Every structure is written in C-alpha cells, then in structure tokens.
C-alpha cells in the first residue's frame, strides 16, 4: 500500500516557534523513545515504520517545507511538492499522479492519505489497516476514518454513518451524510446519532482518484508535464471535491488516542517537561509551560495557567484558555522567518537593520552546516556577503576555485560572485549581508561538482 502524508500549514497557531516554512509538524518538542525530542512528523513516520502496515511513505508538501522534511527524515520518504498552494484536493491529486507516473503504482493499489501531525497511539494504524481491507474488499470506493468524539466539538466536521449506534463498531459502515463544523447544540445531537469526527484520513484505489483527476488534466502526460498544469485544479478541499460527491463512501471508527496539537494549550498536554530550553519555574507557578529557544534565560515566578514561548521570531505570553485566539494577532506581526531548518542544517537571524533610502540594509545570520553537507553554488544580484568562520572546517568554492576554511577565516563575497561551502566537520559561521533588498529569493543557483581531490 501507499501512504501519503499531507504536510502544510501556515505556522501561525504555534507562533513564535512555527512559521510558514517551519510549521508545527516540524517542531522538535515531543518526548522521543531515545530520551531526546522529536517532531510530530518524525513521530508519525516512526510509528508508521514500526506498524504492520508495510507502507511506502510519500509526503505531499510545499516547496518551502522540502528542506525541513529532508533535514528531519532524510531519504526515508518520497517527497512531492506543490508549485503553489491550492488546498487539499490538488495536493492529493498531485501526490496520486506522482505515485502513478514516478513510482509506477498500479491502478488497483490501495492509497491512504492522512495528516502528518496527529498525536495518536499505535491502534490508529490498526484502523488504517481496516480501511485498506475495506478498500480491497470493495466495501466502498472511498473509506474514511471516523474519530469517536470525546465532547461536542464545534471545530471538527462530523460523519454520520448509516444505522449508526453508540457502540464501538469495528467494521466499516456506510456513510449517510457529512456535517461541517456544527454549533454546540447541533454537535450534541450529532453525537447522539452516533456521528464521528472526520479525522481527515482517506483510503481508495489509485485508479479511483485518477478517474476524478482526469476531469481536469490528461493523465497520459508525464509527471513533470502534469505538475506544470497544477493551476488547472480547482482550489478546493478533498472533502468538498471528492468525499461529499462520492456515491460509495464508508467509514471505519477509531476510538484510541487522538489529539489535534494545533494550539499551545493542546501541545502543552503532551510535552515531556514543563520547561524546555533555558527556563526556570518557581514552585508557586501552576499549570504553566515554558519553551525557550533563545540563548538567554527565562524566569517565571508565581504564574498560573500560562504558556510562555520564545524564539528568534518573537515572544508569546498567553493564558492557556486564550491560545486559540492568537492567529489574527500573529498575522499582523509576522515578517520574514528568523529561524529555518534546511537540508544542510539551520540558520538563525541575529539582526536585521533597514538602512532606508541609502540601500545599506544589513542582515546578520548564524549558520550551522552539518558535516558532509553543502550550501548550493549560488550568486546574489542585490547583496554582498561577509562570512566569518567560528567553528569547524570546510571547503569554500569561490568562482570555481576551492580553498580550505576554518575557525578565524574571513571571506568577502561580492555582488554576483559565485560561491558555495561544504562542511568537512560540523561548521559554524556568521554571515553578514549588505545591500537591498535582503530577501531569501535573491539567489541564482548554478550546477557544479566538488573536485575529487577535495573530498
């Protein structure tokens, strides 16, 4: 079977640790089996690989998240990127075209699509196994996972099965109808009818979705050609375009652990400690969690029911009962990300100074390059750079010439000059950008190969 993980999100509900390129599923905050910390997507992939599903994993995501996925998961999963954001139906359609064209999957192969960030126990994958069996047994063209509700939530959509009851039915049930995010009163009524939360998990045969996709693109073309036609797909959710239009839909119930860690309040319930990073809480502080990703200490005394989160992007102090309301405020605050995880390592912006009309903007970054990794061979049209190496050893390519760099070396890179660096050991350096505009998009990349005699 093929398992597609959807990785998207705007990164605003867990600000300031998450941002557009580093959404909540990449935050390394959850307790890991080895005693360290892992992200939501690392946890889910680990669970899938240790389950009995035997699934090949493909992650459907945006280009801005490719580096974070590569850094956290390496080459253990396939990755297909959207050219632009167009909601879940186009993302799933593109992933299915990738499975068909790039991986050569047969039309009758079962495909399961699920989020990359749920907090679940291992029985979740038993339910996915039952969904796959329902697809193989032709119970329905489309099989969904329904979460047994804990309370009458107004945040989730509901699935009402045929002949539903309050019992824990293990087998797939035909779906009678869907209800999107009801009022609290309506949610109580739905639960009394045996309705389930829509868990955003879908199972189907690959050929079933390819038929739907063919309404918008000619599936006979190559994957690259089909990807270039991505704008032909409507901006619509998979629920609206497929699930609610399907005439053969079933649901498999799931009653195990399932949490949507979409707010700081929900996330704090599963953190391994009340403090992460340089943080101290006194004994009088109650039900408070502190996550500090800054290099300076954070002290909280006598506080109650708070979330305190600090990163280079900003500082949040919020009552846990108000965490769901931060998104509109963050939309006004957000500027460029001050921290990013890339395929080669990480960077953190230390200072950004706008020089106004003088075209003398300055941006200072701390860059960490993992041993064996390299930054692409590139040039910039609007900025010069000064690199000061502070730890480790690497190889610098400047206009085709390779030299060794180590602690204490300073390199000046002019506007338009081609440059790259490869880490021999873990490498740290400070990059000072000078010019305007100082934006990540000011990069022209070139093909190159490192000379054999330099590693």
Protein backbone atom coordinates (compact mmCIF):
# COMPACT_ATOMS: atom_id res chain seq x y z
CA UNK A 1 0.00 0.00 0.00
CA UNK A 2 0.96 3.63 -0.45
CA UNK A 3 0.61 6.12 2.39
CA UNK A 4 0.55 9.86 1.62
CA UNK A 5 1.20 12.32 4.44
CA UNK A 6 -0.13 15.84 3.94
CA UNK A 7 2.31 18.44 5.23
CA UNK A 8 1.11 22.02 5.02
CA UNK A 9 0.02 24.76 7.37
CA UNK A 10 0.77 28.45 7.73
CA UNK A 11 2.61 28.11 11.04
CA UNK A 12 0.62 30.76 12.91
CA UNK A 13 -1.16 28.87 15.69
CA UNK A 14 2.08 27.81 17.39
CA UNK A 15 3.87 31.12 16.88
CA UNK A 16 6.60 32.11 17.62
CA UNK A 17 8.21 28.68 17.18
CA UNK A 18 6.43 27.91 13.92
CA UNK A 19 6.29 29.95 10.72
CA UNK A 20 5.43 29.50 7.02
CA UNK A 21 8.48 27.35 6.27
CA UNK A 22 8.66 25.67 9.69
CA UNK A 23 5.10 24.63 10.53
CA UNK A 24 4.00 22.88 13.71
CA UNK A 25 4.75 19.36 12.45
CA UNK A 26 8.49 20.16 12.42
CA UNK A 27 8.80 21.46 15.99
CA UNK A 28 11.07 19.09 17.95
CA UNK A 29 9.20 19.24 21.24
CA UNK A 30 7.71 15.77 21.83
CA UNK A 31 9.45 13.18 24.03
CA UNK A 32 11.26 10.62 21.84
CA UNK A 33 11.97 6.95 22.73
CA UNK A 34 15.72 7.67 22.97
CA UNK A 35 15.13 10.28 25.68
CA UNK A 36 15.55 13.22 23.32
CA UNK A 37 12.94 15.25 21.47
CA UNK A 38 11.23 14.59 18.16
CA UNK A 39 8.80 16.48 15.93
CA UNK A 40 5.22 15.50 15.10
CA UNK A 41 6.18 14.32 11.60
CA UNK A 42 9.16 12.34 12.94
CA UNK A 43 6.86 10.69 15.48
CA UNK A 44 4.23 9.75 12.89
CA UNK A 45 6.80 8.35 10.43
CA UNK A 46 8.42 6.35 13.23
CA UNK A 47 5.03 4.91 14.19
CA UNK A 48 4.19 4.01 10.59
CA UNK A 49 7.50 2.21 10.10
CA UNK A 50 7.07 0.21 13.31
CA UNK A 51 3.46 -0.75 12.45
CA UNK A 52 2.36 -3.80 10.48
CA UNK A 53 1.19 -1.74 7.51
CA UNK A 54 4.33 -2.20 5.40
CA UNK A 55 3.53 1.08 3.64
CA UNK A 56 5.67 3.16 1.31
CA UNK A 57 5.51 6.76 2.52
CA UNK A 58 5.23 9.86 0.32
CA UNK A 59 4.93 13.36 1.77
CA UNK A 60 2.89 15.94 -0.17
CA UNK A 61 4.06 19.42 0.76
CA UNK A 62 5.01 22.89 -0.44
CA UNK A 63 8.44 23.75 -1.78
CA UNK A 64 9.16 25.88 1.30
CA UNK A 65 8.94 22.77 3.54
CA UNK A 66 11.12 20.45 1.43
CA UNK A 67 14.32 21.32 3.32
CA UNK A 68 12.76 20.76 6.75
CA UNK A 69 11.48 17.34 5.63
CA UNK A 70 14.87 16.42 4.19
CA UNK A 71 16.64 17.54 7.36
CA UNK A 72 14.33 15.60 9.71
CA UNK A 73 13.57 12.47 7.65
CA UNK A 74 16.46 12.22 5.19
CA UNK A 75 15.78 9.97 2.21
CA UNK A 76 13.49 7.59 4.12
CA UNK A 77 10.35 9.01 2.43
CA UNK A 78 9.35 10.21 -1.02
CA UNK A 79 8.52 13.90 -1.41
CA UNK A 80 6.26 15.61 -3.95
CA UNK A 81 5.97 19.41 -3.84
CA UNK A 82 3.17 21.68 -4.99
CA UNK A 83 4.16 24.54 -7.31
CA UNK A 84 1.68 26.68 -5.33
CA UNK A 85 -0.83 26.30 -2.51
CA UNK A 86 -4.21 25.15 -3.82
CA UNK A 87 -5.89 23.27 -0.91
CA UNK A 88 -6.02 19.54 -0.17
CA UNK A 89 -7.69 18.16 -3.31
CA UNK A 90 -4.98 19.43 -5.69
CA UNK A 91 -2.25 18.34 -3.25
CA UNK A 92 -3.66 14.81 -3.04
CA UNK A 93 -4.23 14.72 -6.81
CA UNK A 94 -0.59 15.66 -7.45
CA UNK A 95 0.60 13.01 -4.99
CA UNK A 96 -1.50 10.37 -6.79
CA UNK A 97 -0.07 11.41 -10.15
CA UNK A 98 3.39 11.05 -8.60
CA UNK A 99 2.54 7.53 -7.40
CA UNK A 100 1.26 6.60 -10.85
CA UNK A 101 3.88 8.26 -13.06
CA UNK A 102 7.04 8.36 -10.94
CA UNK A 103 6.63 5.25 -8.78
CA UNK A 104 4.73 3.15 -11.32
CA UNK A 105 1.96 2.13 -8.93
CA UNK A 106 -0.89 0.09 -10.39
CA UNK A 107 -4.43 1.42 -10.62
CA UNK A 108 -5.73 -1.12 -8.07
CA UNK A 109 -3.10 -0.30 -5.44
CA UNK A 110 -4.62 0.97 -2.16
CA UNK A 111 -3.68 4.54 -1.20
CA UNK A 112 -4.19 6.07 2.24
CA UNK A 113 -3.98 9.82 2.78
CA UNK A 114 -3.55 11.20 6.30
CA UNK A 115 -2.24 14.33 8.07
CA UNK A 116 1.44 14.46 9.04
CA UNK A 117 0.81 15.87 12.52
CA UNK A 118 -1.80 13.93 14.56
CA UNK A 119 -0.84 12.77 18.04
CA UNK A 120 -2.08 9.19 18.07
CA UNK A 121 -1.40 5.80 19.61
CA UNK A 122 -0.46 2.70 17.64
CA UNK A 123 -4.06 1.47 17.37
CA UNK A 124 -4.56 4.29 14.83
CA UNK A 125 -2.63 2.21 12.32
CA UNK A 126 -4.78 -0.83 13.07
CA UNK A 127 -7.74 1.31 11.98
CA UNK A 128 -5.86 2.28 8.81
CA UNK A 129 -5.30 -1.43 8.18
CA UNK A 130 -9.08 -1.99 8.43
CA UNK A 131 -9.63 0.89 5.98
CA UNK A 132 -7.29 -0.77 3.49
CA UNK A 133 -9.08 -4.11 3.88
CA UNK A 134 -12.39 -2.33 3.20
CA UNK A 135 -10.94 -0.84 0.01
CA UNK A 136 -9.56 -4.21 -1.10
CA UNK A 137 -12.93 -5.85 -0.36
CA UNK A 138 -14.81 -3.26 -2.44
CA UNK A 139 -16.89 -2.19 0.55
CA UNK A 140 -16.81 1.34 -0.93
CA UNK A 141 -14.83 3.40 -3.42
CA UNK A 142 -13.79 5.76 -0.63
CA UNK A 143 -13.23 4.80 3.01
CA UNK A 144 -12.79 7.40 5.77
CA UNK A 145 -11.61 7.26 9.36
CA UNK A 146 -14.12 8.49 11.95
CA UNK A 147 -12.85 9.54 15.39
CA UNK A 148 -15.09 8.69 18.35
CA UNK A 149 -15.94 12.14 19.83
CA UNK A 150 -14.85 13.00 23.37
CA UNK A 151 -17.11 16.04 23.57
CA UNK A 152 -19.44 18.08 21.30
CA UNK A 153 -16.69 19.95 19.45
CA UNK A 154 -17.52 22.77 17.04
CA UNK A 155 -14.01 22.68 15.46
CA UNK A 156 -14.36 19.41 13.52
CA UNK A 157 -16.54 18.11 10.74
CA UNK A 158 -18.79 15.13 11.51
CA UNK A 159 -19.55 11.90 9.64
CA UNK A 160 -22.98 10.34 10.20
CA UNK A 161 -22.96 6.60 9.36
CA UNK A 162 -25.95 4.55 8.22
CA UNK A 163 -27.65 2.65 11.06
CA UNK A 164 -25.21 4.28 13.47
CA UNK A 165 -25.22 3.45 17.14
CA UNK A 166 -23.24 4.42 20.18
CA UNK A 167 -21.40 1.07 20.23
CA UNK A 168 -17.81 0.67 19.13
CA UNK A 169 -18.42 -0.87 15.71
CA UNK A 170 -15.18 -2.35 14.37
CA UNK A 171 -16.20 -2.82 10.72
CA UNK A 172 -16.69 -0.22 8.01
CA UNK A 173 -20.11 1.42 7.91
CA UNK A 174 -21.78 3.16 5.00
CA UNK A 175 -21.84 6.96 5.29
CA UNK A 176 -25.21 8.65 5.39
CA UNK A 177 -24.12 12.30 5.35
CA UNK A 178 -21.50 14.87 6.39
CA UNK A 179 -21.92 17.93 8.61
CA UNK A 180 -19.26 20.65 8.67
CA UNK A 181 -18.32 22.35 11.99
CA UNK A 182 -21.75 22.47 13.65
CA UNK A 183 -22.97 24.62 16.51
CA UNK A 184 -22.50 23.19 20.00
CA UNK A 185 -26.21 22.29 20.18
CA UNK A 186 -26.08 20.54 16.80
CA UNK A 187 -22.89 18.70 17.81
CA UNK A 188 -24.70 17.19 20.82
CA UNK A 189 -27.46 15.99 18.52
CA UNK A 190 -24.98 14.51 16.04
CA UNK A 191 -23.16 12.59 18.77
CA UNK A 192 -26.49 11.15 19.95
CA UNK A 193 -26.93 9.79 16.39
CA UNK A 194 -23.55 8.06 16.58
CA UNK A 195 -21.72 10.61 14.43
CA UNK A 196 -17.92 10.58 14.29
CA UNK A 197 -15.36 13.34 13.88
CA UNK A 198 -13.88 13.49 10.41
CA UNK A 199 -10.23 12.53 11.03
CA UNK A 200 -9.03 13.69 7.60
CA UNK A 201 -7.89 10.15 6.65
CA UNK A 202 -8.97 8.72 3.28
CA UNK A 203 -8.41 5.34 1.63
CA UNK A 204 -9.12 4.45 -2.01
CA UNK A 205 -7.75 2.61 -5.01
CA UNK A 206 -5.34 4.74 -7.01
CA UNK A 207 -7.37 4.30 -10.19
CA UNK A 208 -10.48 5.68 -8.48
CA UNK A 209 -8.85 9.04 -7.89
CA UNK A 210 -7.10 9.09 -11.27
CA UNK A 211 -10.56 8.97 -12.89
CA UNK A 212 -11.58 12.07 -10.91
CA UNK A 213 -8.28 13.79 -11.72
CA UNK A 214 -8.83 13.16 -15.44
CA UNK A 215 -11.69 15.68 -15.38
CA UNK A 216 -9.06 18.41 -15.04
CA UNK A 217 -5.88 17.11 -16.72
CA UNK A 218 -4.92 14.48 -19.28
CA UNK A 219 -3.32 11.73 -17.17
CA UNK A 220 -1.47 10.39 -20.21
CA UNK A 221 1.24 13.02 -19.91
CA UNK A 222 4.47 12.76 -17.90
CA UNK A 223 4.53 13.74 -14.26
CA UNK A 224 6.60 16.88 -14.94
CA UNK A 225 4.08 18.00 -17.59
CA UNK A 226 1.17 17.30 -15.23
CA UNK A 227 2.87 19.19 -12.40
CA UNK A 228 3.25 22.21 -14.71
CA UNK A 229 -0.56 22.11 -15.16
CA UNK A 230 -1.18 22.31 -11.41
CA UNK A 231 -3.20 25.53 -11.76
CA UNK A 232 -5.80 23.53 -13.74
CA UNK A 233 -7.01 22.00 -10.48
CA UNK A 234 -9.63 23.96 -8.52
CA UNK A 235 -8.75 25.43 -5.13
CA UNK A 236 -10.96 23.13 -3.08
CA UNK A 237 -10.67 20.67 -0.22
CA UNK A 238 -10.67 16.90 -0.79
CA UNK A 239 -13.79 16.67 1.41
CA UNK A 240 -15.78 19.00 -0.84
CA UNK A 241 -14.43 17.81 -4.21
CA UNK A 242 -14.38 14.05 -3.57
CA UNK A 243 -15.84 12.82 -0.26
CA UNK A 244 -19.11 14.73 -0.31
CA UNK A 245 -19.72 14.00 -4.02
CA UNK A 246 -18.91 10.28 -3.83
CA UNK A 247 -21.81 7.82 -4.13
CA UNK A 248 -19.92 4.98 -2.43
CA UNK A 249 -18.43 6.03 0.92
CA UNK A 250 -17.78 4.07 4.11
CA UNK A 251 -16.26 4.96 7.48
CA UNK A 252 -14.10 2.96 9.89
CA UNK A 253 -14.37 4.15 13.52
CA UNK A 254 -11.33 4.80 15.69
CA UNK A 255 -11.57 5.15 19.47
CA UNK A 256 -7.92 5.31 20.52
CA UNK A 257 -5.72 8.27 21.48
CA UNK A 258 -6.12 11.13 19.00
CA UNK A 259 -5.18 14.73 19.64
CA UNK A 260 -5.03 17.74 17.37
CA UNK A 261 -1.94 19.59 18.64
CA UNK A 262 -2.98 22.78 16.89
CA UNK A 263 -2.77 25.15 19.84
CA UNK A 264 -0.25 25.79 22.60
CA UNK A 265 -2.79 24.62 25.16
CA UNK A 266 -3.21 21.24 23.44
CA UNK A 267 0.53 20.86 22.79
CA UNK A 268 1.42 21.59 26.43
CA UNK A 269 -0.56 18.49 27.47
CA UNK A 270 1.94 16.15 25.77
CA UNK A 271 5.24 17.93 26.39
CA UNK A 272 7.70 15.85 28.37
CA UNK A 273 8.56 18.71 30.72
CA UNK A 274 7.05 21.97 31.95
CA UNK A 275 10.23 23.77 30.80
CA UNK A 276 12.23 23.37 27.60
CA UNK A 277 15.38 25.39 26.96
CA UNK A 278 16.91 27.90 29.37
CA UNK A 279 13.80 28.20 31.53
CA UNK A 280 13.02 28.20 35.26
CA UNK A 281 9.66 28.00 37.03
CA UNK A 282 9.36 28.54 40.78
CA UNK A 283 7.33 26.19 42.98
CA UNK A 284 4.44 28.68 43.18
CA UNK A 285 3.84 28.53 39.42
CA UNK A 286 0.89 26.31 38.47
CA UNK A 287 -0.10 24.68 35.15
CA UNK A 288 2.46 26.74 33.24
CA UNK A 289 4.73 25.62 30.40
CA UNK A 290 7.77 27.46 29.07
CA UNK A 291 9.52 26.73 25.76
CA UNK A 292 12.57 28.91 25.26
CA UNK A 293 14.56 28.67 22.02
CA UNK A 294 16.62 31.77 22.77
CA UNK A 295 20.11 31.67 24.21
CA UNK A 296 19.14 33.80 27.21
CA UNK A 297 17.41 32.56 30.38
CA UNK A 298 13.68 32.89 31.05
CA UNK A 299 12.42 33.05 34.67
CA UNK A 300 8.74 32.77 35.65
CA UNK A 301 7.64 33.33 39.25
CA UNK A 302 4.17 32.79 40.72
CA UNK A 303 2.38 32.44 37.36
CA UNK A 304 -0.69 30.33 36.66
CA UNK A 305 -2.18 28.69 33.56
CA UNK A 306 0.29 30.28 31.14
CA UNK A 307 2.17 29.33 28.00
CA UNK A 308 5.43 31.22 27.51
CA UNK A 309 7.18 30.58 24.19
CA UNK A 310 10.27 32.43 22.96
CA UNK A 311 12.20 32.12 19.68
CA UNK A 312 14.06 34.44 17.30
CA UNK A 313 10.66 35.19 15.70
CA UNK A 314 9.19 36.65 18.90
CA UNK A 315 7.90 36.01 22.43
CA UNK A 316 4.42 34.78 23.39
CA UNK A 317 2.88 35.04 26.86
CA UNK A 318 -0.68 33.71 26.83
CA UNK A 319 -3.30 32.34 29.16
CA UNK A 320 -3.90 28.72 28.09
CA UNK A 321 -7.62 29.38 27.80
CA UNK A 322 -6.94 32.06 25.18
CA UNK A 323 -4.43 30.20 22.97
CA UNK A 324 -6.93 29.59 20.18
CA UNK A 325 -7.26 33.33 19.55
CA UNK A 326 -3.65 34.19 18.74
CA UNK A 327 -3.79 33.65 14.95
CA UNK A 328 -5.25 37.07 13.92
CA UNK A 329 -2.65 38.85 16.06
CA UNK A 330 0.19 36.82 14.58
CA UNK A 331 -0.95 37.66 11.04
CA UNK A 332 -0.21 41.31 11.84
CA UNK A 333 3.14 40.54 13.49
CA UNK A 334 4.71 38.09 11.05
CA UNK A 335 7.65 39.22 8.97
CA UNK A 336 10.39 37.05 7.45
CA UNK A 337 11.23 33.85 9.38
CA UNK A 338 14.12 34.42 11.80
CA UNK A 339 14.92 30.70 12.04
CA UNK A 340 14.81 27.96 9.41
CA UNK A 341 15.80 24.33 9.16
CA UNK A 342 17.31 23.44 5.80
CA UNK A 343 18.51 20.19 4.18
CA UNK A 344 22.08 21.20 5.10
CA UNK A 345 21.50 22.47 8.65
CA UNK A 346 19.96 25.57 10.24
CA UNK A 347 20.23 29.32 10.27
CA UNK A 348 19.15 31.98 12.75
CA UNK A 349 18.85 35.69 12.01
CA UNK A 350 20.67 37.66 14.73
CA UNK A 351 19.98 41.19 13.50
CA UNK A 352 18.20 42.93 10.62
CA UNK A 353 18.74 46.64 10.08
CA UNK A 354 16.83 48.62 7.44
CA UNK A 355 19.00 51.41 6.04
CA UNK A 356 16.06 53.22 4.46
CA UNK A 357 16.73 55.06 1.20
CA UNK A 358 20.50 54.55 1.37
CA UNK A 359 20.33 50.93 0.10
CA UNK A 360 22.52 49.97 3.06
CA UNK A 361 20.38 47.28 4.72
CA UNK A 362 22.25 44.85 6.95
CA UNK A 363 21.29 41.33 7.98
CA UNK A 364 23.36 39.09 10.26
CA UNK A 365 22.87 35.29 10.31
CA UNK A 366 24.35 32.48 12.36
CA UNK A 367 24.62 29.43 10.07
CA UNK A 368 25.21 25.84 11.15
CA UNK A 369 26.23 23.38 8.42
CA UNK A 370 26.12 19.65 9.19
CA UNK A 371 29.28 17.67 8.38
CA UNK A 372 29.20 16.37 4.81
CA UNK A 373 26.52 18.86 3.72
CA UNK A 374 26.93 21.88 1.46
CA UNK A 375 25.19 25.10 0.51
CA UNK A 376 24.39 25.24 -3.21
CA UNK A 377 26.66 27.04 -5.69
CA UNK A 378 24.97 30.42 -5.99
CA UNK A 379 25.24 34.17 -6.53
CA UNK A 380 23.19 37.20 -5.49
CA UNK A 381 22.10 40.18 -7.57
CA UNK A 382 21.44 42.64 -4.75
CA UNK A 383 23.80 41.87 -1.91
CA UNK A 384 27.39 41.21 -0.95
CA UNK A 385 28.28 38.92 1.96
CA UNK A 386 31.00 38.57 4.57
CA UNK A 387 31.49 35.11 6.08
CA UNK A 388 33.37 34.72 9.38
CA UNK A 389 34.06 31.08 10.31
CA UNK A 390 33.87 30.41 14.05
CA UNK A 391 33.98 26.61 14.39
CA UNK A 392 34.86 23.55 12.31
CA UNK A 393 36.48 23.04 8.92
CA UNK A 394 35.05 23.31 5.42
CA UNK A 395 35.77 23.80 1.74
CA UNK A 396 34.91 27.09 0.05
CA UNK A 397 34.31 27.36 -3.69
CA UNK A 398 34.62 30.93 -4.97
CA UNK A 399 34.25 31.44 -8.74
CA UNK A 400 35.36 27.87 -9.35
CA UNK A 401 38.39 27.83 -7.03
CA UNK A 402 38.36 25.67 -3.89
CA UNK A 403 40.15 26.56 -0.65
CA UNK A 404 40.02 25.24 2.91
CA UNK A 405 38.32 27.40 5.56
CA UNK A 406 38.38 27.01 9.33
CA UNK A 407 37.92 28.95 12.60
CA UNK A 408 39.07 32.58 12.25
CA UNK A 409 38.92 32.80 8.44
CA UNK A 410 37.01 35.72 6.90
CA UNK A 411 35.71 35.64 3.29
CA UNK A 412 34.34 38.61 1.31
CA UNK A 413 31.81 37.70 -1.41
CA UNK A 414 30.96 40.43 -3.90
CA UNK A 415 27.59 41.00 -5.60
CA UNK A 416 27.26 38.48 -8.44
CA UNK A 417 30.19 36.33 -7.30
CA UNK A 418 29.53 32.57 -7.41
CA UNK A 419 30.13 30.80 -4.11
CA UNK A 420 29.43 27.63 -2.13
CA UNK A 421 30.71 25.98 1.03
CA UNK A 422 30.87 22.33 2.12
CA UNK A 423 31.34 21.19 5.72
CA UNK A 424 34.17 18.72 6.32
CA UNK A 425 33.24 18.73 10.02
CA UNK A 426 30.26 20.46 11.62
CA UNK A 427 30.74 24.06 10.53
CA UNK A 428 29.54 27.32 12.08
CA UNK A 429 29.93 30.76 10.59
CA UNK A 430 28.42 34.22 10.77
CA UNK A 431 27.10 35.70 7.55
CA UNK A 432 26.72 39.48 7.19
CA UNK A 433 24.58 40.54 4.22
CA UNK A 434 24.93 44.09 2.82
CA UNK A 435 22.61 45.57 0.21
CA UNK A 436 18.92 45.89 -0.65
CA UNK A 437 16.57 44.10 -0.76
CA UNK A 438 17.84 41.43 1.63
CA UNK A 439 15.46 38.59 0.82
CA UNK A 440 15.84 34.80 0.55
CA UNK A 441 14.59 34.91 -3.04
CA UNK A 442 17.72 36.81 -4.20
CA UNK A 443 19.53 33.60 -5.19
CA UNK A 444 20.72 32.42 -8.60
CA UNK A 445 21.81 28.77 -8.43
CA UNK A 446 24.37 27.07 -10.68
CA UNK A 447 25.27 23.45 -11.37
CA UNK A 448 28.65 22.35 -10.02
CA UNK A 449 30.60 19.35 -8.73
CA UNK A 450 33.15 19.38 -5.95
CA UNK A 451 36.62 18.35 -7.22
CA UNK A 452 37.57 14.79 -6.28
CA UNK A 453 40.86 15.87 -4.71
CA UNK A 454 38.87 17.98 -2.24
CA UNK A 455 36.83 15.16 -0.77
